[in-house]
Each structure stands twice: as structure tokens, then as C-alpha cells.
Amino acid sequence: MNPYYNHEHTKEEVTAILGKIQDCVREGRYIISQNENRKENIDLINEYNISTKKQSSILLEIKPEDFCYSLQNTNLGYEHEVLYVFVPQVKLFNINDEEEMVDVYTKFNVIDRVNGNRVIVISFHKRNKPIDYLFR
């Protein structure tokens, strides 16, 4: 197991962090990373034609039971940040308009600021590795 993964969270802690994340989504203080390093995010959004409204809807429907683990950011200069991983199962429609259940791997960075929190959704793509849910 990766030593950076933290499974030592209570449901109350996860509920609180998810509340912070979803408050930011509701208030428009979030972004889903779609740069050259986040091709998988772009691919999911394009493959299922996920509108901005649907993206926020997916994020707002995440439940504490979708939580997997947290981990320390290992990028230079960002080691103080904690990232949170949830994998909700979402009904999406593919290019052929066929309904699919998709495990959406989401990784969040909550930026605490004096003038209000912000959330960066680092990962928003199909699950591409095995995961374990903490509360299932």
C-alpha cells in the first residue's frame, strides 16, 4: 500500500470535508482541472458530453460513503496540501446515448483562504485502478 494514502478518517471528518467541497461547488468556487496534464478529465467530459451543470451535479451528489482515502500532495512546494479521493458511481450516457454506470475517480484539493475556501478538482475521470471504500 502506498505510504501516502491515509485511511484513518472518521465518517464525521469525511462528512465535514465533503461539506466544504460541496459548499464551494454550490458557490462556484471550484474548477475541474483540464490542462495538458489532465487528459483523462477532458476525455471523460467529452466521451459523455458532460455539461458544466452536470459536472457540478455529479460533485454535489457525492456521499461520504464514496470516500476512499486522503493523501499528501507530493508535488514540490505543495507538500503541505492534503488531497481527498472519492469514487461515486454515476449514471452517464455515452456517445450512442446508451446509459452506463461509471465509477468517476475524483480527487479534491481544498484551498483554505481567509476570504473563502476554493476547491480544485484535480481528477475527474473514469476509475483506472482498484480502490477500496472506507465506509462500505
Foldseek 3Di string as FASTA:
>chain_A
DDPFWALPDDLVRLQVVLVQALVQLVVVQEDEDDDPVAVQQVCACVFQVQDPVNVNVVSNPFHSQQWFTKGADPDPPRRVWIKTWGWDFDWTAGPVRDTDTFGWIWIWTWADDPVGIHIYTHGTHGDDDDTDGSRD
